N, C-alpha and C. Protein backbone atom coordinates (compact mmCIF):
# COMPACT_ATOMS: atom_id res chain seq x y z
N UNK A 1 22.43 -67.11 -5.49
CA UNK A 1 23.60 -66.71 -5.00
C UNK A 1 23.28 -65.33 -3.93
N UNK A 2 23.81 -65.46 -3.01
CA UNK A 2 23.70 -64.31 -2.08
C UNK A 2 24.70 -63.43 -2.26
N UNK A 3 24.23 -62.24 -2.58
CA UNK A 3 25.34 -60.93 -2.43
C UNK A 3 25.94 -60.72 -0.86
N UNK A 4 27.30 -60.47 -1.14
CA UNK A 4 28.03 -59.94 0.31
C UNK A 4 28.78 -58.68 -0.08
N UNK A 5 28.49 -58.13 0.87
CA UNK A 5 29.38 -56.45 0.87
C UNK A 5 30.71 -56.23 1.08
N UNK A 6 31.27 -55.78 0.35
CA UNK A 6 32.97 -55.30 0.76
C UNK A 6 32.82 -54.15 1.30
N UNK A 7 33.52 -53.89 2.34
CA UNK A 7 33.83 -52.51 3.04
C UNK A 7 34.61 -51.61 2.24
N UNK A 8 33.49 -50.49 1.82
CA UNK A 8 34.42 -49.37 1.11
C UNK A 8 35.53 -48.76 1.56
N UNK A 9 35.74 -48.78 3.04
CA UNK A 9 36.67 -47.76 3.56
C UNK A 9 37.68 -48.49 3.58
N UNK A 10 37.80 -49.85 3.96
CA UNK A 10 39.27 -50.55 3.83
C UNK A 10 39.27 -51.64 2.52
N UNK A 11 37.94 -51.77 1.91
CA UNK A 11 38.17 -52.55 0.82
C UNK A 11 38.50 -54.28 1.06
N UNK A 12 38.22 -54.65 2.34
CA UNK A 12 38.12 -55.73 2.79
C UNK A 12 36.98 -56.56 2.79
N UNK A 13 37.09 -57.76 2.52
CA UNK A 13 36.10 -58.78 2.59
C UNK A 13 35.97 -59.54 3.87
N UNK A 14 35.19 -59.40 4.57
CA UNK A 14 35.12 -60.15 5.93
C UNK A 14 33.67 -61.16 5.97
N UNK A 15 34.15 -62.33 6.23
CA UNK A 15 32.90 -63.38 6.19
C UNK A 15 32.84 -64.03 7.58
N UNK A 16 31.90 -63.87 8.19
CA UNK A 16 31.69 -64.73 9.94
C UNK A 16 31.16 -66.01 9.38
N UNK A 17 32.07 -66.82 9.64
CA UNK A 17 31.93 -68.27 9.47
C UNK A 17 30.98 -68.98 10.19
N UNK A 18 30.48 -68.48 11.20
CA UNK A 18 29.66 -69.02 12.10
C UNK A 18 28.18 -68.54 11.44
N UNK A 19 27.98 -68.07 10.58
CA UNK A 19 26.96 -67.31 9.94
C UNK A 19 26.51 -67.78 8.56
N UNK A 20 27.55 -68.42 8.10
CA UNK A 20 27.37 -69.21 6.59
C UNK A 20 27.39 -70.76 6.74
N UNK A 21 26.89 -71.24 5.78
CA UNK A 21 26.82 -72.88 5.62
C UNK A 21 28.29 -73.46 5.76
N UNK A 22 28.50 -74.84 6.09
CA UNK A 22 29.70 -75.32 6.09
C UNK A 22 30.21 -75.58 4.79
N UNK A 23 29.27 -75.65 3.92
CA UNK A 23 29.94 -76.10 2.45
C UNK A 23 29.15 -74.84 1.44
N UNK A 24 30.31 -74.17 1.23
CA UNK A 24 29.93 -73.13 0.27
C UNK A 24 31.01 -72.69 -0.71
N UNK A 25 30.78 -71.95 -1.57
CA UNK A 25 31.60 -71.50 -2.60
C UNK A 25 31.43 -70.05 -2.69
N UNK A 26 32.85 -69.07 -2.85
CA UNK A 26 32.59 -67.68 -2.86
C UNK A 26 33.24 -67.02 -4.08
N UNK A 27 32.37 -66.42 -4.94
CA UNK A 27 32.68 -65.86 -6.08
C UNK A 27 33.18 -64.45 -6.04
N UNK A 28 34.41 -63.90 -6.38
CA UNK A 28 34.76 -62.59 -6.55
C UNK A 28 34.92 -62.06 -7.98
N UNK A 29 34.54 -61.13 -8.29
CA UNK A 29 34.65 -60.48 -9.64
C UNK A 29 34.40 -58.97 -9.67
N UNK A 30 35.34 -58.36 -10.27
CA UNK A 30 35.10 -56.92 -10.45
C UNK A 30 34.51 -56.21 -9.05
N UNK A 31 34.93 -56.48 -7.90
CA UNK A 31 34.60 -56.08 -6.96
C UNK A 31 33.04 -56.36 -6.10
N UNK A 32 32.63 -57.30 -6.95
CA UNK A 32 31.47 -58.20 -6.35
C UNK A 32 31.80 -59.17 -5.81
N UNK A 33 31.22 -59.67 -4.81
CA UNK A 33 31.03 -60.96 -4.16
C UNK A 33 29.86 -61.64 -4.00
N UNK A 34 29.70 -62.84 -4.15
CA UNK A 34 28.57 -63.89 -3.88
C UNK A 34 28.93 -65.11 -3.58
N UNK A 35 28.09 -65.52 -2.46
CA UNK A 35 28.27 -66.80 -1.84
C UNK A 35 27.11 -67.89 -2.20
N UNK A 36 27.28 -69.03 -2.15
CA UNK A 36 26.35 -69.97 -2.57
C UNK A 36 26.47 -71.12 -1.83
N UNK A 37 25.58 -71.97 -1.28
CA UNK A 37 25.60 -73.15 -0.45
C UNK A 37 25.99 -74.18 -1.60
N UNK A 38 26.65 -75.05 -1.16
CA UNK A 38 26.92 -76.41 -2.06
C UNK A 38 26.07 -77.25 -1.55
N UNK A 39 25.45 -78.13 -2.67
CA UNK A 39 24.64 -79.24 -2.20
C UNK A 39 25.26 -80.31 -1.46
N UNK A 40 24.69 -81.06 -0.64
CA UNK A 40 25.00 -82.06 0.04
C UNK A 40 25.83 -82.98 -0.64
N UNK A 41 25.33 -83.45 -2.09
CA UNK A 41 25.85 -84.58 -2.69
C UNK A 41 25.97 -83.88 -4.32
N UNK A 42 26.63 -84.95 -5.23
CA UNK A 42 26.49 -83.96 -6.57
C UNK A 42 27.42 -83.10 -6.65
N UNK A 43 27.34 -82.42 -7.78
CA UNK A 43 28.28 -81.23 -8.12
C UNK A 43 27.48 -79.71 -8.27
N UNK A 44 28.21 -78.92 -8.25
CA UNK A 44 27.76 -77.36 -8.60
C UNK A 44 28.60 -76.77 -9.77
N UNK A 45 28.02 -76.35 -10.56
CA UNK A 45 28.76 -75.83 -11.88
C UNK A 45 28.78 -74.20 -11.80
N UNK A 46 29.68 -73.57 -12.07
CA UNK A 46 29.57 -71.88 -12.15
C UNK A 46 30.15 -71.66 -13.57
N UNK A 47 29.07 -71.18 -14.27
CA UNK A 47 29.28 -70.74 -15.49
C UNK A 47 29.68 -69.32 -15.39
N UNK A 48 30.42 -69.12 -16.55
CA UNK A 48 30.93 -67.47 -16.55
C UNK A 48 30.70 -66.98 -18.06
N UNK A 49 30.54 -65.70 -18.19
CA UNK A 49 30.28 -65.28 -19.77
C UNK A 49 31.37 -64.11 -19.61
N UNK A 50 32.39 -64.20 -20.43
CA UNK A 50 33.32 -63.06 -20.65
C UNK A 50 34.00 -62.89 -19.46
N UNK A 51 34.15 -63.81 -18.48
CA UNK A 51 34.95 -64.14 -16.95
C UNK A 51 33.98 -63.46 -15.99
N UNK A 52 33.01 -63.13 -16.39
CA UNK A 52 31.94 -62.54 -15.12
C UNK A 52 30.80 -63.63 -14.84
N UNK A 53 30.72 -64.00 -13.58
CA UNK A 53 29.67 -65.11 -13.15
C UNK A 53 28.14 -64.26 -13.30
């Protein structure tokens, strides 16, 4: 998973959709953001531990 930064001055998350893959998942938890490309077929599981990815 790739980390994405949240602008600390505005506390906003901005994603440029032209720079990310067409099929992806964004996970937000405790002020941290991660993005992961989805496979072209099959499934992708997100496992958490105590509600933290």
